[in-house]
């Protein structure tokens, strides 16, 4: 059984590898990490308003507008009127815009599928339970970090 320190090192290496994989995906798409994350959000969640995208990425509204402009110019997203409220504009992913990127990152995802495939169905259930619980915990922790940084900046001014 690994010691708590050894477990911490293994877990940090895992998180670093996941982060590097995300950065490599962004680079393959010609995007910055925040643009890649925003595009992933839109792909997973569906169309979002710029305000929702701003809140989810932690960017200011101005920075979010510039991010959307860059993604739109690159052909990854488009702005569309909200069918429920024509005053609102939704940002939605362009279908198949990431097909070329998927060709690049697909082999790496295949390696991860092989790793997961080595576990029994019961172990996979446990792993996916962890993923489902850890993702919101990491999002909440990220928001807490952002809030602390903003408060620290305010206290210095």
Protein backbone atom coordinates (compact mmCIF):
# COMPACT_ATOMS: atom_id res chain seq x y z
CA UNK A 1 0.00 0.00 0.00
CA UNK A 2 1.37 3.38 -0.98
CA UNK A 3 2.03 5.95 1.72
CA UNK A 4 -0.04 9.17 1.79
CA UNK A 5 2.94 11.07 0.35
CA UNK A 6 3.34 8.56 -2.49
CA UNK A 7 -0.39 8.75 -3.24
CA UNK A 8 -0.22 12.53 -3.33
CA UNK A 9 2.65 12.39 -5.85
CA UNK A 10 0.81 9.86 -8.03
CA UNK A 11 -2.35 11.97 -7.96
CA UNK A 12 -0.48 15.18 -8.80
CA UNK A 13 1.22 13.44 -11.73
CA UNK A 14 -2.20 12.26 -12.92
CA UNK A 15 -3.64 15.79 -12.71
CA UNK A 16 -0.60 17.24 -14.48
CA UNK A 17 -0.99 14.67 -17.29
CA UNK A 18 -4.69 15.51 -17.69
CA UNK A 19 -3.83 19.22 -17.79
CA UNK A 20 -1.11 18.65 -20.38
CA UNK A 21 -3.53 16.62 -22.48
CA UNK A 22 -5.96 19.56 -22.45
CA UNK A 23 -3.20 21.97 -23.43
CA UNK A 24 -2.11 19.67 -26.26
CA UNK A 25 -5.70 19.48 -27.52
CA UNK A 26 -5.95 23.27 -27.47
CA UNK A 27 -2.67 23.58 -29.35
CA UNK A 28 -3.83 21.04 -31.94
CA UNK A 29 -6.92 23.17 -32.55
CA UNK A 30 -4.86 26.37 -32.70
CA UNK A 31 -6.54 27.64 -29.54
CA UNK A 32 -5.55 28.92 -26.14
CA UNK A 33 -6.48 26.80 -23.12
CA UNK A 34 -9.41 29.05 -22.16
CA UNK A 35 -10.78 28.93 -25.71
CA UNK A 36 -10.47 25.13 -25.69
CA UNK A 37 -12.30 24.97 -22.36
CA UNK A 38 -15.07 27.27 -23.59
CA UNK A 39 -15.47 25.17 -26.72
CA UNK A 40 -15.63 22.02 -24.61
CA UNK A 41 -18.31 23.63 -22.43
CA UNK A 42 -20.38 24.50 -25.48
CA UNK A 43 -19.94 21.01 -26.89
CA UNK A 44 -21.01 19.37 -23.62
CA UNK A 45 -23.68 21.83 -22.44
CA UNK A 46 -25.06 23.11 -25.72
CA UNK A 47 -25.66 26.76 -26.57
CA UNK A 48 -24.93 29.30 -23.82
CA UNK A 49 -25.33 33.04 -23.56
CA UNK A 50 -22.14 35.07 -23.33
CA UNK A 51 -23.02 35.78 -19.68
CA UNK A 52 -23.31 32.07 -18.92
CA UNK A 53 -20.04 31.42 -20.72
CA UNK A 54 -18.41 34.23 -18.77
CA UNK A 55 -19.59 32.80 -15.45
CA UNK A 56 -18.48 29.27 -16.34
CA UNK A 57 -15.01 30.28 -17.58
CA UNK A 58 -14.36 32.90 -14.92
CA UNK A 59 -13.59 35.53 -17.56
CA UNK A 60 -14.87 39.08 -17.49
CA UNK A 61 -17.69 39.88 -19.88
CA UNK A 62 -15.31 41.86 -22.11
CA UNK A 63 -12.80 39.01 -22.24
CA UNK A 64 -15.62 36.57 -22.98
CA UNK A 65 -16.80 38.70 -25.90
CA UNK A 66 -13.26 38.70 -27.33
CA UNK A 67 -13.02 34.92 -26.79
CA UNK A 68 -16.30 34.40 -28.66
CA UNK A 69 -15.09 36.69 -31.46
CA UNK A 70 -11.88 34.62 -31.83
CA UNK A 71 -13.77 31.31 -31.81
CA UNK A 72 -16.26 32.67 -34.33
CA UNK A 73 -13.50 33.92 -36.67
CA UNK A 74 -11.83 30.50 -36.44
CA UNK A 75 -15.12 28.82 -37.44
CA UNK A 76 -15.69 26.95 -34.17
CA UNK A 77 -18.80 28.80 -32.92
CA UNK A 78 -21.58 31.00 -34.19
CA UNK A 79 -23.95 33.45 -32.57
CA UNK A 80 -27.65 32.66 -32.89
CA UNK A 81 -30.84 34.25 -31.62
CA UNK A 82 -32.36 32.48 -28.61
CA UNK A 83 -35.62 30.96 -29.90
CA UNK A 84 -37.21 31.46 -26.45
CA UNK A 85 -36.18 35.13 -26.17
CA UNK A 86 -35.18 36.94 -29.37
CA UNK A 87 -33.43 39.64 -27.28
CA UNK A 88 -30.82 37.09 -26.20
CA UNK A 89 -27.96 35.78 -28.28
CA UNK A 90 -26.70 32.25 -27.81
CA UNK A 91 -23.24 31.02 -28.64
CA UNK A 92 -23.32 27.55 -30.16
CA UNK A 93 -20.66 25.22 -31.50
CA UNK A 94 -20.48 24.79 -35.26
CA UNK A 95 -21.23 21.12 -36.04
CA UNK A 96 -18.16 19.12 -37.09
CA UNK A 97 -15.82 22.10 -36.60
CA UNK A 98 -13.59 19.97 -34.37
CA UNK A 99 -13.52 16.91 -36.64
CA UNK A 100 -9.90 17.56 -37.66
CA UNK A 101 -8.84 18.04 -34.05
CA UNK A 102 -10.58 14.81 -33.09
CA UNK A 103 -8.33 13.01 -35.59
CA UNK A 104 -5.31 14.41 -33.75
CA UNK A 105 -6.43 13.82 -30.14
CA UNK A 106 -8.29 10.58 -30.87
CA UNK A 107 -5.26 8.28 -30.49
CA UNK A 108 -4.50 9.70 -27.04
CA UNK A 109 -8.11 9.21 -26.02
CA UNK A 110 -7.82 5.65 -27.31
CA UNK A 111 -4.92 5.05 -24.93
CA UNK A 112 -7.03 6.23 -22.02
CA UNK A 113 -9.86 3.94 -23.18
CA UNK A 114 -7.35 1.06 -23.11
CA UNK A 115 -6.37 1.93 -19.54
CA UNK A 116 -10.03 2.07 -18.47
CA UNK A 117 -10.74 -1.17 -20.36
CA UNK A 118 -8.21 -2.98 -18.17
CA UNK A 119 -10.51 -2.50 -15.18
CA UNK A 120 -13.46 -4.73 -14.38
CA UNK A 121 -16.95 -3.32 -14.97
CA UNK A 122 -17.31 -2.83 -11.19
CA UNK A 123 -14.02 -0.95 -11.01
CA UNK A 124 -15.05 1.17 -14.00
CA UNK A 125 -18.28 2.06 -12.20
CA UNK A 126 -16.20 3.22 -9.24
CA UNK A 127 -13.90 5.26 -11.50
CA UNK A 128 -16.80 6.94 -13.29
CA UNK A 129 -18.48 7.63 -9.97
CA UNK A 130 -15.26 9.40 -8.95
CA UNK A 131 -15.19 11.36 -12.24
CA UNK A 132 -18.83 12.42 -11.76
CA UNK A 133 -18.16 13.58 -8.19
CA UNK A 134 -14.71 15.07 -8.74
CA UNK A 135 -15.59 17.27 -11.74
CA UNK A 136 -18.03 19.51 -9.81
CA UNK A 137 -15.67 19.55 -6.82
CA UNK A 138 -12.83 20.78 -9.05
CA UNK A 139 -15.10 23.39 -10.65
CA UNK A 140 -16.11 24.63 -7.20
CA UNK A 141 -12.49 24.67 -6.02
CA UNK A 142 -11.53 26.62 -9.16
CA UNK A 143 -14.23 29.19 -8.43
CA UNK A 144 -13.01 29.49 -4.83
CA UNK A 145 -9.48 30.13 -6.11
CA UNK A 146 -10.73 32.78 -8.56
CA UNK A 147 -12.74 34.47 -5.79
CA UNK A 148 -9.73 34.48 -3.46
CA UNK A 149 -7.54 36.02 -6.17
CA UNK A 150 -10.10 38.76 -6.87
CA UNK A 151 -10.43 39.52 -3.15
CA UNK A 152 -6.64 39.62 -2.76
CA UNK A 153 -6.34 42.05 -5.68
CA UNK A 154 -9.07 44.28 -4.22
CA UNK A 155 -7.41 44.38 -0.82
CA UNK A 156 -4.11 45.50 -2.40
CA UNK A 157 -5.68 48.40 -4.26
